[in-house]
Amino acid sequence: MVKGYIFDLDGTVYLDDQIIDGAVETINRLREAGNKVVFLTNKSIATRNDYVTKLNKLGIHANLSEVINSNYIAVKYLKEHMNEQDSVLVIGEKPLFEELREENISITNDPKKATYVVLGWDRQFNYEKLNLAYQSWLNKATILATNPDRTCPVFGGGQLPDCGAIIGALEGATGQPIDSVIGKPSRQTAEFVVNEILNLKPEQCYMVGDRLETDIRMGFENGMNTVLVLTGVSTADMVEKTVYKPTYVLNSIKDIVNL
């Protein structure tokens, strides 16, 4: 039976620009066995083309149809929900703006005209941007976020604040949760990847990632097998305390071939 492997990137396949030992060999062996592979990242600070380039540079063959980022899911959501007169206020970096503009999503910097706000990871986030999002919320804009990740793992064992910190800033101002998170662990992302990209049943799919609250939760809640790798954010101790129990816990991606 064909299996589908959905790989997170940061902390799973690589850390920063360092490939994780065994990643290339593992992915090659899975493909050679006739399985399907897709790469799914919540990270909004690079385009899908950027990820294709990076993966190929690191020795993993990938084409655009196999790489999904949270920006792509956000575009899909907006195209399905926006009317002709709607506009989006974007808090994020250049790749998020680029991928929205490529699909002709109307972007505004005026909170009075914004009917949607998209929050992404923004390493230049400041009070002015927070206020723009807040004023848009006051004007009844729908608030979306590319992903809920509080941090992003980096090479050497450190972490950086991610989009979750920006969500927290806006929720601290409004006193209300945002309307929707687009990327992992959302059901819409799970169904899109399983049904439209892999074209398999959930039970044929393996969600492989380093984060319990996004990667493993998405697989857990949507009927997939789940594989937690301990090369990123989540630890074995965290597994004991979570309700999102992974099907497998592995030291790294290279151990998948031994399942």
Protein backbone atom coordinates (compact mmCIF):
# COMPACT_ATOMS: atom_id res chain seq x y z
CA MET A 1 0.00 0.00 0.00
CA VAL A 2 1.26 3.45 -0.94
CA LYS A 3 1.94 5.69 2.03
CA GLY A 4 2.07 9.45 2.17
CA TYR A 5 4.74 11.18 4.25
CA ILE A 6 4.14 14.79 5.22
CA PHE A 7 7.40 16.29 6.45
CA ASP A 8 7.71 19.43 8.50
CA LEU A 9 10.93 21.27 7.61
CA ASP A 10 12.57 23.29 10.41
CA GLY A 11 13.62 20.95 13.20
CA THR A 12 12.65 17.88 11.18
CA VAL A 13 14.52 17.92 7.86
CA TYR A 14 16.99 20.69 8.66
CA LEU A 15 17.95 23.32 11.24
CA ASP A 16 18.71 26.70 9.67
CA ASP A 17 20.98 25.72 6.75
CA GLN A 18 22.17 22.44 8.27
CA ILE A 19 20.62 19.23 6.96
CA ILE A 20 19.73 16.78 9.71
CA ASP A 21 21.81 13.61 9.47
CA GLY A 22 20.07 10.92 7.44
CA ALA A 23 17.33 13.15 6.00
CA VAL A 24 18.42 12.83 2.36
CA GLU A 25 18.84 9.07 2.54
CA THR A 26 15.53 8.55 4.35
CA ILE A 27 13.48 10.58 1.89
CA ASN A 28 15.17 8.88 -1.07
CA ARG A 29 14.40 5.42 0.36
CA LEU A 30 10.75 6.30 1.01
CA ARG A 31 10.34 7.50 -2.56
CA GLU A 32 12.15 4.48 -4.01
CA ALA A 33 9.65 2.26 -2.19
CA GLY A 34 6.84 3.97 -4.12
CA ASN A 35 5.60 6.29 -1.37
CA LYS A 36 4.50 9.91 -1.79
CA VAL A 37 6.36 12.74 -0.06
CA VAL A 38 5.26 16.32 0.60
CA PHE A 39 6.90 19.08 2.61
CA LEU A 40 4.65 21.23 4.80
CA THR A 41 5.94 24.22 6.74
CA ASN A 42 4.23 26.83 8.88
CA LYS A 43 7.08 29.26 8.33
CA SER A 44 5.87 32.35 6.46
CA ILE A 45 9.20 34.16 5.94
CA ALA A 46 10.12 32.32 2.74
CA THR A 47 8.23 31.55 -0.46
CA ARG A 48 7.51 28.08 -1.77
CA ASN A 49 10.11 28.67 -4.47
CA ASP A 50 12.63 29.55 -1.75
CA TYR A 51 11.94 26.22 -0.03
CA VAL A 52 12.30 24.29 -3.29
CA THR A 53 15.67 25.95 -3.88
CA LYS A 54 16.81 25.28 -0.31
CA LEU A 55 15.80 21.62 -0.31
CA ASN A 56 17.54 20.95 -3.62
CA LYS A 57 20.65 22.77 -2.39
CA LEU A 58 20.67 20.52 0.69
CA GLY A 59 20.47 17.42 -1.51
CA ILE A 60 16.72 16.68 -1.35
CA HIS A 61 15.00 16.73 -4.74
CA ALA A 62 11.77 18.69 -4.51
CA ASN A 63 9.51 20.46 -6.96
CA LEU A 64 6.94 23.19 -6.33
CA SER A 65 3.97 20.81 -6.24
CA GLU A 66 5.55 18.99 -3.26
CA VAL A 67 6.13 22.08 -1.10
CA ILE A 68 3.33 23.75 0.85
CA ASN A 69 3.82 26.70 3.19
CA SER A 70 1.33 28.54 5.37
CA ASN A 71 1.32 31.47 2.93
CA TYR A 72 -0.03 29.17 0.23
CA ILE A 73 -2.82 27.97 2.52
CA ALA A 74 -3.60 31.59 3.47
CA VAL A 75 -3.90 32.53 -0.21
CA LYS A 76 -6.20 29.58 -0.82
CA TYR A 77 -8.39 30.58 2.15
CA LEU A 78 -8.62 34.23 1.08
CA LYS A 79 -9.47 33.39 -2.52
CA GLU A 80 -12.31 31.19 -1.28
CA HIS A 81 -13.69 33.76 1.17
CA MET A 82 -12.95 37.27 -0.12
CA ASN A 83 -15.38 39.34 -2.14
CA GLU A 84 -14.30 41.74 -4.87
CA GLN A 85 -14.45 44.75 -2.53
CA ASP A 86 -12.42 43.12 0.28
CA SER A 87 -8.83 44.01 1.14
CA VAL A 88 -6.20 42.50 3.43
CA LEU A 89 -3.91 44.26 5.88
CA VAL A 90 -0.74 42.17 6.17
CA ILE A 91 1.62 41.94 9.14
CA GLY A 92 4.54 39.91 7.86
CA GLU A 93 7.68 39.86 5.78
CA LYS A 94 8.29 40.25 2.05
CA PRO A 95 7.62 36.60 1.05
CA LEU A 96 4.10 36.73 2.51
CA PHE A 97 3.33 39.93 0.58
CA GLU A 98 4.83 38.40 -2.59
CA GLU A 99 2.75 35.25 -2.46
CA LEU A 100 -0.45 37.20 -1.80
CA ARG A 101 0.24 39.62 -4.67
CA GLU A 102 1.07 36.77 -7.06
CA GLU A 103 -2.52 35.57 -6.64
CA ASN A 104 -3.95 39.10 -7.00
CA ILE A 105 -5.06 39.40 -3.38
CA SER A 106 -5.94 43.06 -2.70
CA ILE A 107 -3.63 44.47 0.01
CA THR A 108 -4.17 47.68 1.98
CA ASN A 109 -2.33 49.54 4.72
CA ASP A 110 -5.49 51.39 5.77
CA PRO A 111 -7.24 49.83 8.80
CA LYS A 112 -10.52 51.45 7.71
CA LYS A 113 -10.41 49.58 4.39
CA ALA A 114 -9.15 46.23 5.69
CA THR A 115 -11.78 43.51 5.87
CA TYR A 116 -9.14 40.88 6.70
CA VAL A 117 -5.87 40.96 8.61
CA VAL A 118 -3.23 38.28 8.00
CA LEU A 119 -0.62 37.89 10.73
CA GLY A 120 2.62 36.18 9.79
CA TRP A 121 6.03 35.87 11.39
CA ASP A 122 7.53 39.37 11.22
CA ARG A 123 11.04 39.98 12.55
CA GLN A 124 10.47 43.73 12.17
CA PHE A 125 7.25 43.67 14.20
CA ASN A 126 6.69 46.86 16.19
CA TYR A 127 4.07 48.96 17.96
CA GLU A 128 3.00 50.68 14.74
CA LYS A 129 2.19 47.34 13.10
CA LEU A 130 0.38 46.15 16.22
CA ASN A 131 -1.74 49.29 16.17
CA LEU A 132 -2.60 48.85 12.48
CA ALA A 133 -3.87 45.33 13.20
CA TYR A 134 -5.72 46.53 16.31
CA GLN A 135 -7.44 49.40 14.47
CA SER A 136 -8.47 46.95 11.74
CA TRP A 137 -9.97 44.71 14.42
CA LEU A 138 -11.89 47.69 15.83
CA ASN A 139 -13.30 48.14 12.32
CA LYS A 140 -14.54 44.52 12.35
CA ALA A 141 -11.84 42.97 10.17
CA THR A 142 -11.49 39.18 10.30
CA ILE A 143 -8.16 38.28 11.92
CA LEU A 144 -6.21 35.34 10.46
CA ALA A 145 -2.74 34.01 11.22
CA THR A 146 -0.46 31.94 9.05
CA ASN A 147 0.55 29.74 12.00
CA PRO A 148 0.40 29.49 15.81
CA ASP A 149 4.05 28.50 16.43
CA ARG A 150 5.34 30.33 19.47
CA THR A 151 8.96 29.78 18.48
CA CYS A 152 11.12 28.50 15.63
CA PRO A 153 14.09 26.19 16.35
CA VAL A 154 17.54 27.24 15.14
CA PHE A 155 20.82 25.39 14.71
CA GLY A 156 22.70 24.96 17.98
CA GLY A 157 19.64 24.32 20.14
CA GLY A 158 18.19 27.83 20.34
CA GLN A 159 14.78 29.19 19.44
CA LEU A 160 13.38 32.48 18.10
CA PRO A 161 9.92 34.03 18.72
CA ASP A 162 7.60 33.11 15.84
CA CYS A 163 4.09 34.12 14.74
CA GLY A 164 2.53 32.94 18.00
CA ALA A 165 4.20 35.86 19.75
CA ILE A 166 2.56 38.29 17.31
CA ILE A 167 -0.83 36.62 17.78
CA GLY A 168 -0.31 37.01 21.54
CA ALA A 169 0.42 40.72 21.18
CA LEU A 170 -2.80 41.38 19.27
CA GLU A 171 -4.89 39.16 21.55
CA GLY A 172 -3.42 41.03 24.49
CA ALA A 173 -4.75 44.27 23.01
CA THR A 174 -8.18 43.00 21.95
CA GLY A 175 -8.85 40.61 24.81
CA GLN A 176 -10.25 38.21 22.20
CA PRO A 177 -8.83 35.21 20.33
CA ILE A 178 -8.14 35.73 16.64
CA ASP A 179 -10.66 34.30 14.20
CA SER A 180 -8.62 31.56 12.55
CA VAL A 181 -5.19 29.96 12.24
CA ILE A 182 -4.51 28.91 8.65
CA GLY A 183 -1.52 26.56 8.83
CA LYS A 184 -0.86 23.51 10.98
CA PRO A 185 -2.73 22.22 12.98
CA SER A 186 -5.87 23.43 11.18
CA ARG A 187 -8.27 20.92 9.67
CA GLN A 188 -8.32 22.82 6.37
CA THR A 189 -4.57 22.35 5.99
CA ALA A 190 -4.79 18.67 6.88
CA GLU A 191 -7.62 18.00 4.44
CA PHE A 192 -5.96 19.99 1.65
CA VAL A 193 -2.67 18.11 1.89
CA VAL A 194 -4.20 14.65 2.35
CA ASN A 195 -7.07 14.93 -0.13
CA GLU A 196 -5.77 17.29 -2.82
CA ILE A 197 -1.99 16.93 -2.73
CA LEU A 198 -1.41 13.31 -1.69
CA ASN A 199 -4.82 12.00 -2.79
CA LEU A 200 -4.75 9.34 -0.09
CA LYS A 201 -6.79 8.34 2.93
CA PRO A 202 -5.68 9.83 6.28
CA GLU A 203 -4.78 6.40 7.65
CA GLN A 204 -2.28 5.98 4.79
CA CYS A 205 -0.48 9.19 5.81
CA TYR A 206 2.30 9.91 8.29
CA MET A 207 2.71 13.41 9.68
CA VAL A 208 6.37 13.79 10.62
CA GLY A 209 7.41 16.76 12.72
CA ASP A 210 9.18 18.12 15.77
CA ARG A 211 6.30 20.00 17.39
CA LEU A 212 3.51 18.39 19.39
CA GLU A 213 1.07 21.31 19.32
CA THR A 214 1.15 21.75 15.53
CA ASP A 215 2.57 18.76 13.61
CA ILE A 216 1.44 15.98 15.91
CA ARG A 217 -1.84 17.65 16.86
CA MET A 218 -2.82 18.03 13.19
CA GLY A 219 -2.15 14.37 12.47
CA PHE A 220 -3.75 13.26 15.74
CA GLU A 221 -6.98 15.18 15.14
CA ASN A 222 -7.30 14.21 11.49
CA GLY A 223 -6.81 10.45 11.54
CA MET A 224 -3.17 10.24 10.43
CA ASN A 225 -0.25 8.31 11.84
CA THR A 226 2.09 10.70 13.62
CA VAL A 227 5.86 10.66 14.03
CA LEU A 228 7.54 13.00 16.51
CA VAL A 229 11.25 13.54 15.92
CA LEU A 230 13.35 14.86 18.78
CA THR A 231 15.59 17.13 16.69
CA GLY A 232 13.57 20.31 17.13
CA VAL A 233 11.30 21.86 19.76
CA SER A 234 9.38 19.08 21.54
CA THR A 235 11.09 16.66 23.93
CA ALA A 236 10.36 13.15 25.22
CA ASP A 237 9.28 14.68 28.56
CA MET A 238 6.66 16.78 26.78
CA VAL A 239 5.16 13.63 25.24
CA GLU A 240 4.27 12.34 28.70
CA LYS A 241 2.23 15.49 29.44
CA THR A 242 0.45 16.09 26.13
CA VAL A 243 -2.97 14.88 25.03
CA TYR A 244 -1.64 14.72 21.44
CA LYS A 245 0.17 11.42 21.74
CA PRO A 246 2.32 10.61 18.69
CA THR A 247 2.09 7.16 17.14
CA TYR A 248 5.89 7.00 17.13
CA VAL A 249 8.64 8.96 18.87
CA LEU A 250 12.00 8.82 17.09
CA ASN A 251 15.36 10.39 17.76
CA SER A 252 15.48 11.78 14.22
CA ILE A 253 14.19 11.50 10.68
CA LYS A 254 16.78 8.84 9.83
CA ASP A 255 14.98 6.32 12.07
CA ILE A 256 11.77 6.41 9.98
CA VAL A 257 13.05 3.67 7.65
CA ASN A 258 13.11 1.33 10.67
CA LEU A 259 9.40 1.69 11.47
